[in-house]
Amino acid sequence: MSTPNALEEGTDLTLDFEKLEKIGKAGQKVVPVVLQHAETGEVLYIAYANELALRETLSRKQAVLWSTSRDELWHKGATSGDTLDLVDVRVNCEQNSLLYRVVPRTGSVCHTRDKAGKGRARCYYRRLLSESEVAFV
């Protein structure tokens, strides 16, 4: 299905298997961050944090990340108002990824909008049907 923004709104599977390679080649020193709704346990999305983003997260008590595409600090919700209040930060056994347990201030988390124009409550809004197709859930 061809749409104006097929990556975010299409049903063709186009996974970016080169994402981590791009981050490495750019020399960005980051760790993956899973953002999880602290009350429901639902995974909202995955992003990245560098040392500055982690410090800002702990200081502000809100999710702050590192935008690998823009190469800049990203305070989630600073422009949209869809901030994520921090409950706690957890670190995995190998200390190479983080889990931000958060509570969204609004119902929107994802930067995309549904067909009605409403912000989505999570970034995982499609499910895999096959090796080449996804469907909205």
N, C-alpha and C. Protein backbone atom coordinates (compact mmCIF):
# COMPACT_ATOMS: atom_id res chain seq x y z
N MET A 1 0.85 -1.18 0.00
CA MET A 1 0.00 0.00 0.00
C MET A 1 0.89 1.24 0.00
N SER A 2 0.75 2.07 -0.98
CA SER A 2 1.56 3.27 -1.08
C SER A 2 0.84 4.43 -0.39
N THR A 3 1.51 5.05 0.56
CA THR A 3 0.95 6.20 1.28
C THR A 3 1.98 7.32 1.26
N PRO A 4 1.56 8.54 1.58
CA PRO A 4 2.53 9.64 1.61
C PRO A 4 3.71 9.35 2.53
N ASN A 5 3.50 8.64 3.62
CA ASN A 5 4.58 8.27 4.52
C ASN A 5 4.51 6.77 4.74
N ALA A 6 4.91 6.02 3.74
CA ALA A 6 4.77 4.56 3.75
C ALA A 6 5.53 3.91 4.90
N LEU A 7 6.65 4.47 5.32
CA LEU A 7 7.40 3.88 6.42
C LEU A 7 6.56 3.81 7.69
N GLU A 8 5.92 4.92 8.03
CA GLU A 8 5.16 5.00 9.28
C GLU A 8 3.69 4.62 9.14
N GLU A 9 3.14 4.74 7.95
CA GLU A 9 1.70 4.50 7.78
C GLU A 9 1.37 3.38 6.80
N GLY A 10 2.38 2.74 6.25
CA GLY A 10 2.15 1.70 5.26
C GLY A 10 2.03 0.32 5.87
N THR A 11 1.75 -0.64 5.03
CA THR A 11 1.63 -2.03 5.46
C THR A 11 2.73 -2.91 4.87
N ASP A 12 3.67 -2.31 4.13
CA ASP A 12 4.83 -3.06 3.64
C ASP A 12 5.91 -3.04 4.71
N LEU A 13 6.48 -4.20 4.98
CA LEU A 13 7.53 -4.29 5.98
C LEU A 13 8.85 -3.82 5.38
N THR A 14 9.45 -2.79 5.99
CA THR A 14 10.74 -2.26 5.53
C THR A 14 11.63 -2.00 6.75
N LEU A 15 12.03 -3.07 7.43
CA LEU A 15 12.85 -2.94 8.63
C LEU A 15 14.22 -2.35 8.30
N ASP A 16 14.72 -1.51 9.20
CA ASP A 16 16.03 -0.88 9.02
C ASP A 16 17.07 -1.71 9.76
N PHE A 17 17.57 -2.74 9.09
CA PHE A 17 18.57 -3.61 9.69
C PHE A 17 19.94 -2.94 9.79
N GLU A 18 20.09 -1.75 9.26
CA GLU A 18 21.37 -1.04 9.29
C GLU A 18 21.42 0.05 10.37
N LYS A 19 20.37 0.22 11.15
CA LYS A 19 20.29 1.29 12.15
C LYS A 19 21.48 1.30 13.09
N LEU A 20 21.77 0.16 13.70
CA LEU A 20 22.88 0.13 14.66
C LEU A 20 24.23 0.36 13.99
N GLU A 21 24.38 -0.13 12.78
CA GLU A 21 25.62 0.12 12.04
C GLU A 21 25.78 1.62 11.77
N LYS A 22 24.70 2.30 11.42
CA LYS A 22 24.74 3.75 11.17
C LYS A 22 25.14 4.50 12.44
N ILE A 23 24.59 4.10 13.56
CA ILE A 23 24.91 4.75 14.84
C ILE A 23 26.39 4.56 15.15
N GLY A 24 26.87 3.34 14.95
CA GLY A 24 28.29 3.05 15.20
C GLY A 24 29.21 3.84 14.30
N LYS A 25 28.89 3.90 13.02
CA LYS A 25 29.73 4.64 12.08
C LYS A 25 29.74 6.13 12.38
N ALA A 26 28.64 6.64 12.94
CA ALA A 26 28.57 8.06 13.28
C ALA A 26 29.33 8.37 14.56
N GLY A 27 29.78 7.34 15.26
CA GLY A 27 30.55 7.54 16.48
C GLY A 27 29.72 7.96 17.67
N GLN A 28 28.43 7.73 17.62
CA GLN A 28 27.55 8.11 18.73
C GLN A 28 27.68 7.08 19.85
N LYS A 29 28.00 7.53 21.03
CA LYS A 29 28.17 6.66 22.19
C LYS A 29 26.85 6.62 22.95
N VAL A 30 26.02 5.64 22.61
CA VAL A 30 24.68 5.52 23.17
C VAL A 30 24.41 4.09 23.60
N VAL A 31 23.38 3.94 24.41
CA VAL A 31 22.83 2.63 24.75
C VAL A 31 21.35 2.64 24.39
N PRO A 32 20.80 1.47 24.04
CA PRO A 32 19.36 1.40 23.77
C PRO A 32 18.57 1.62 25.07
N VAL A 33 17.42 2.26 24.91
CA VAL A 33 16.51 2.49 26.04
C VAL A 33 15.13 1.97 25.66
N VAL A 34 14.62 1.06 26.46
CA VAL A 34 13.24 0.62 26.30
C VAL A 34 12.40 1.54 27.17
N LEU A 35 11.35 2.13 26.58
CA LEU A 35 10.43 2.96 27.36
C LEU A 35 9.17 2.15 27.59
N GLN A 36 8.87 1.92 28.86
CA GLN A 36 7.77 1.06 29.25
C GLN A 36 6.79 1.85 30.13
N HIS A 37 5.49 1.67 29.86
CA HIS A 37 4.47 2.29 30.69
C HIS A 37 4.53 1.62 32.06
N ALA A 38 4.83 2.39 33.10
CA ALA A 38 5.04 1.84 34.44
C ALA A 38 3.78 1.22 35.03
N GLU A 39 2.62 1.66 34.59
CA GLU A 39 1.37 1.15 35.16
C GLU A 39 0.83 -0.07 34.41
N THR A 40 1.00 -0.11 33.10
CA THR A 40 0.44 -1.21 32.30
C THR A 40 1.48 -2.25 31.90
N GLY A 41 2.74 -1.89 31.94
CA GLY A 41 3.80 -2.79 31.50
C GLY A 41 4.02 -2.81 30.00
N GLU A 42 3.21 -2.07 29.26
CA GLU A 42 3.32 -2.05 27.81
C GLU A 42 4.59 -1.33 27.36
N VAL A 43 5.27 -1.91 26.37
CA VAL A 43 6.43 -1.25 25.77
C VAL A 43 5.92 -0.16 24.84
N LEU A 44 6.37 1.06 25.06
CA LEU A 44 5.91 2.21 24.27
C LEU A 44 6.76 2.39 23.03
N TYR A 45 8.08 2.36 23.19
CA TYR A 45 9.01 2.42 22.07
C TYR A 45 10.42 2.19 22.57
N ILE A 46 11.35 2.12 21.64
CA ILE A 46 12.76 1.97 21.96
C ILE A 46 13.50 3.16 21.38
N ALA A 47 14.41 3.71 22.16
CA ALA A 47 15.20 4.86 21.72
C ALA A 47 16.63 4.66 22.22
N TYR A 48 17.39 5.75 22.29
CA TYR A 48 18.78 5.68 22.71
C TYR A 48 19.08 6.81 23.69
N ALA A 49 20.06 6.56 24.57
CA ALA A 49 20.51 7.60 25.50
C ALA A 49 22.03 7.60 25.53
N ASN A 50 22.56 8.81 25.61
CA ASN A 50 23.99 8.95 25.91
C ASN A 50 24.09 9.41 27.36
N GLU A 51 25.29 9.70 27.82
CA GLU A 51 25.46 10.09 29.22
C GLU A 51 24.68 11.36 29.56
N LEU A 52 24.68 12.34 28.66
CA LEU A 52 23.95 13.59 28.89
C LEU A 52 22.44 13.33 29.00
N ALA A 53 21.90 12.53 28.11
CA ALA A 53 20.47 12.23 28.14
C ALA A 53 20.09 11.54 29.45
N LEU A 54 20.91 10.62 29.90
CA LEU A 54 20.62 9.94 31.17
C LEU A 54 20.65 10.93 32.33
N ARG A 55 21.67 11.80 32.37
CA ARG A 55 21.74 12.81 33.44
C ARG A 55 20.51 13.70 33.44
N GLU A 56 20.10 14.15 32.24
CA GLU A 56 18.92 15.01 32.12
C GLU A 56 17.64 14.28 32.54
N THR A 57 17.55 13.01 32.19
CA THR A 57 16.39 12.20 32.59
C THR A 57 16.29 12.16 34.11
N LEU A 58 17.39 11.86 34.76
CA LEU A 58 17.40 11.77 36.22
C LEU A 58 17.13 13.12 36.87
N SER A 59 17.65 14.18 36.29
CA SER A 59 17.47 15.53 36.83
C SER A 59 16.04 16.03 36.65
N ARG A 60 15.49 15.87 35.46
CA ARG A 60 14.15 16.38 35.15
C ARG A 60 13.02 15.48 35.63
N LYS A 61 13.34 14.21 35.86
CA LYS A 61 12.32 13.20 36.20
C LYS A 61 11.33 13.02 35.04
N GLN A 62 11.84 13.18 33.83
CA GLN A 62 11.10 12.95 32.59
C GLN A 62 12.04 12.30 31.59
N ALA A 63 11.46 11.58 30.62
CA ALA A 63 12.29 10.90 29.62
C ALA A 63 13.01 11.91 28.74
N VAL A 64 14.33 11.80 28.71
CA VAL A 64 15.19 12.57 27.82
C VAL A 64 16.07 11.56 27.13
N LEU A 65 16.18 11.69 25.82
CA LEU A 65 16.88 10.71 25.01
C LEU A 65 17.88 11.39 24.09
N TRP A 66 18.61 10.60 23.32
CA TRP A 66 19.52 11.14 22.33
C TRP A 66 18.97 10.77 20.97
N SER A 67 18.66 11.77 20.15
CA SER A 67 18.18 11.53 18.80
C SER A 67 19.37 11.16 17.93
N THR A 68 19.42 9.90 17.50
CA THR A 68 20.52 9.46 16.65
C THR A 68 20.37 10.00 15.24
N SER A 69 19.15 10.30 14.82
CA SER A 69 18.96 10.83 13.47
C SER A 69 19.30 12.33 13.39
N ARG A 70 19.01 13.07 14.47
CA ARG A 70 19.30 14.51 14.47
C ARG A 70 20.61 14.83 15.20
N ASP A 71 21.16 13.82 15.89
CA ASP A 71 22.40 13.99 16.65
C ASP A 71 22.27 15.12 17.66
N GLU A 72 21.19 15.02 18.49
CA GLU A 72 20.95 16.05 19.50
C GLU A 72 20.12 15.49 20.65
N LEU A 73 20.17 16.21 21.76
CA LEU A 73 19.37 15.86 22.92
C LEU A 73 17.89 15.99 22.58
N TRP A 74 17.09 15.05 23.04
CA TRP A 74 15.66 15.02 22.72
C TRP A 74 14.87 14.85 24.01
N HIS A 75 14.30 15.94 24.51
CA HIS A 75 13.42 15.89 25.67
C HIS A 75 12.04 15.53 25.16
N LYS A 76 11.65 14.28 25.35
CA LYS A 76 10.39 13.78 24.80
C LYS A 76 9.24 14.66 25.27
N GLY A 77 8.51 15.20 24.30
CA GLY A 77 7.34 16.01 24.60
C GLY A 77 7.61 17.50 24.72
N ALA A 78 8.86 17.93 24.57
CA ALA A 78 9.18 19.35 24.72
C ALA A 78 8.41 20.21 23.73
N THR A 79 8.18 19.72 22.53
CA THR A 79 7.41 20.49 21.54
C THR A 79 5.98 20.00 21.43
N SER A 80 5.75 18.70 21.59
CA SER A 80 4.39 18.15 21.42
C SER A 80 3.55 18.22 22.68
N GLY A 81 4.19 18.32 23.84
CA GLY A 81 3.47 18.27 25.11
C GLY A 81 3.28 16.86 25.62
N ASP A 82 3.69 15.87 24.83
CA ASP A 82 3.52 14.46 25.21
C ASP A 82 4.70 13.97 26.04
N THR A 83 4.90 14.59 27.20
CA THR A 83 6.02 14.22 28.06
C THR A 83 5.75 12.90 28.77
N LEU A 84 6.85 12.27 29.18
CA LEU A 84 6.79 11.00 29.88
C LEU A 84 7.43 11.18 31.25
N ASP A 85 6.63 11.13 32.30
CA ASP A 85 7.14 11.28 33.65
C ASP A 85 7.86 10.01 34.08
N LEU A 86 9.03 10.18 34.65
CA LEU A 86 9.88 9.06 35.03
C LEU A 86 9.46 8.46 36.37
N VAL A 87 9.31 7.15 36.40
CA VAL A 87 9.08 6.43 37.65
C VAL A 87 10.42 5.91 38.16
N ASP A 88 11.14 5.20 37.29
CA ASP A 88 12.50 4.80 37.62
C ASP A 88 13.25 4.37 36.37
N VAL A 89 14.55 4.21 36.54
CA VAL A 89 15.43 3.76 35.46
C VAL A 89 16.06 2.46 35.93
N ARG A 90 16.01 1.45 35.07
CA ARG A 90 16.65 0.17 35.38
C ARG A 90 17.72 -0.11 34.36
N VAL A 91 18.71 -0.88 34.78
CA VAL A 91 19.82 -1.23 33.91
C VAL A 91 19.89 -2.75 33.80
N ASN A 92 20.21 -3.26 32.60
CA ASN A 92 20.24 -4.71 32.40
C ASN A 92 21.51 -5.32 32.99
N CYS A 93 21.58 -6.65 32.97
CA CYS A 93 22.68 -7.39 33.61
C CYS A 93 24.05 -7.03 33.04
N GLU A 94 24.14 -6.79 31.74
CA GLU A 94 25.43 -6.47 31.12
C GLU A 94 25.72 -4.97 31.09
N GLN A 95 24.83 -4.17 31.64
CA GLN A 95 24.95 -2.72 31.69
C GLN A 95 25.18 -2.13 30.31
N ASN A 96 24.39 -2.63 29.32
CA ASN A 96 24.49 -2.09 27.96
C ASN A 96 23.14 -1.67 27.40
N SER A 97 22.13 -1.61 28.27
CA SER A 97 20.83 -1.06 27.88
C SER A 97 20.10 -0.60 29.14
N LEU A 98 19.13 0.29 28.93
CA LEU A 98 18.34 0.85 30.03
C LEU A 98 16.87 0.61 29.80
N LEU A 99 16.13 0.63 30.88
CA LEU A 99 14.68 0.58 30.86
C LEU A 99 14.18 1.81 31.60
N TYR A 100 13.49 2.71 30.88
CA TYR A 100 12.85 3.85 31.54
C TYR A 100 11.41 3.43 31.80
N ARG A 101 11.02 3.35 33.05
CA ARG A 101 9.63 3.10 33.40
C ARG A 101 8.98 4.46 33.57
N VAL A 102 7.98 4.74 32.75
CA VAL A 102 7.40 6.08 32.65
C VAL A 102 5.88 6.04 32.70
N VAL A 103 5.31 7.21 32.94
CA VAL A 103 3.86 7.40 32.85
C VAL A 103 3.62 8.58 31.91
N PRO A 104 2.93 8.33 30.79
CA PRO A 104 2.64 9.43 29.85
C PRO A 104 1.71 10.46 30.49
N ARG A 105 2.01 11.73 30.29
CA ARG A 105 1.14 12.80 30.80
C ARG A 105 -0.13 12.95 29.96
N THR A 106 -0.03 12.63 28.68
CA THR A 106 -1.19 12.67 27.80
C THR A 106 -1.41 11.25 27.27
N GLY A 107 -2.40 11.05 26.46
CA GLY A 107 -2.62 9.73 25.87
C GLY A 107 -1.69 9.42 24.73
N SER A 108 -0.96 10.43 24.25
CA SER A 108 -0.10 10.24 23.09
C SER A 108 1.35 9.99 23.51
N VAL A 109 1.97 9.06 22.79
CA VAL A 109 3.38 8.76 23.02
C VAL A 109 4.15 8.85 21.71
N CYS A 110 3.61 8.24 20.66
CA CYS A 110 4.27 8.19 19.36
C CYS A 110 4.11 9.53 18.64
N HIS A 111 5.09 9.87 17.78
CA HIS A 111 5.00 11.12 17.01
C HIS A 111 4.04 10.99 15.83
N THR A 112 3.57 9.77 15.54
CA THR A 112 2.64 9.57 14.43
C THR A 112 1.20 9.75 14.91
N ARG A 113 0.31 9.90 13.97
CA ARG A 113 -1.12 10.07 14.27
C ARG A 113 -1.92 8.99 13.56
N ASP A 114 -3.04 8.60 14.16
CA ASP A 114 -3.90 7.63 13.50
C ASP A 114 -4.75 8.31 12.43
N LYS A 115 -5.62 7.55 11.78
CA LYS A 115 -6.42 8.10 10.68
C LYS A 115 -7.33 9.24 11.13
N ALA A 116 -7.71 9.25 12.39
CA ALA A 116 -8.55 10.31 12.93
C ALA A 116 -7.74 11.54 13.35
N GLY A 117 -6.41 11.45 13.21
CA GLY A 117 -5.56 12.57 13.58
C GLY A 117 -5.14 12.58 15.04
N LYS A 118 -5.48 11.53 15.76
CA LYS A 118 -5.16 11.44 17.18
C LYS A 118 -3.78 10.82 17.38
N GLY A 119 -3.02 11.35 18.32
CA GLY A 119 -1.71 10.80 18.63
C GLY A 119 -1.84 9.38 19.16
N ARG A 120 -0.90 8.53 18.79
CA ARG A 120 -0.95 7.13 19.19
C ARG A 120 -0.39 6.94 20.60
N ALA A 121 -0.93 5.96 21.32
CA ALA A 121 -0.53 5.67 22.69
C ALA A 121 0.75 4.85 22.77
N ARG A 122 1.25 4.36 21.65
CA ARG A 122 2.46 3.56 21.59
C ARG A 122 3.01 3.60 20.17
N CYS A 123 4.28 3.27 20.02
CA CYS A 123 4.87 3.22 18.67
C CYS A 123 4.70 1.85 18.03
N TYR A 124 4.38 0.84 18.80
CA TYR A 124 4.15 -0.50 18.27
C TYR A 124 2.67 -0.66 17.94
N TYR A 125 2.24 -0.05 16.83
CA TYR A 125 0.83 -0.04 16.43
C TYR A 125 0.55 -0.92 15.22
N ARG A 126 1.56 -1.69 14.80
CA ARG A 126 1.37 -2.65 13.70
C ARG A 126 1.95 -3.99 14.12
N ARG A 127 1.38 -5.05 13.59
CA ARG A 127 1.90 -6.38 13.87
C ARG A 127 2.35 -7.03 12.58
N LEU A 128 3.32 -7.89 12.69
CA LEU A 128 3.90 -8.58 11.55
C LEU A 128 2.96 -9.67 11.06
N LEU A 129 2.64 -9.64 9.76
CA LEU A 129 1.81 -10.67 9.14
C LEU A 129 2.65 -11.71 8.41
N SER A 130 3.74 -11.25 7.81
CA SER A 130 4.63 -12.12 7.04
C SER A 130 5.99 -11.46 6.96
N GLU A 131 6.86 -11.99 6.16
CA GLU A 131 8.19 -11.40 5.98
C GLU A 131 8.14 -10.08 5.21
N SER A 132 6.99 -9.71 4.69
CA SER A 132 6.93 -8.48 3.88
C SER A 132 5.72 -7.60 4.20
N GLU A 133 4.88 -7.99 5.16
CA GLU A 133 3.66 -7.22 5.38
C GLU A 133 3.32 -7.08 6.86
N VAL A 134 2.78 -5.91 7.20
CA VAL A 134 2.31 -5.64 8.56
C VAL A 134 0.85 -5.19 8.48
N ALA A 135 0.19 -5.24 9.63
CA ALA A 135 -1.20 -4.78 9.71
C ALA A 135 -1.36 -3.93 10.97
N PHE A 136 -2.23 -2.96 10.91
CA PHE A 136 -2.51 -2.12 12.07
C PHE A 136 -3.27 -2.93 13.12
N VAL A 137 -2.96 -2.69 14.38
CA VAL A 137 -3.67 -3.37 15.48
C VAL A 137 -4.58 -2.40 16.19
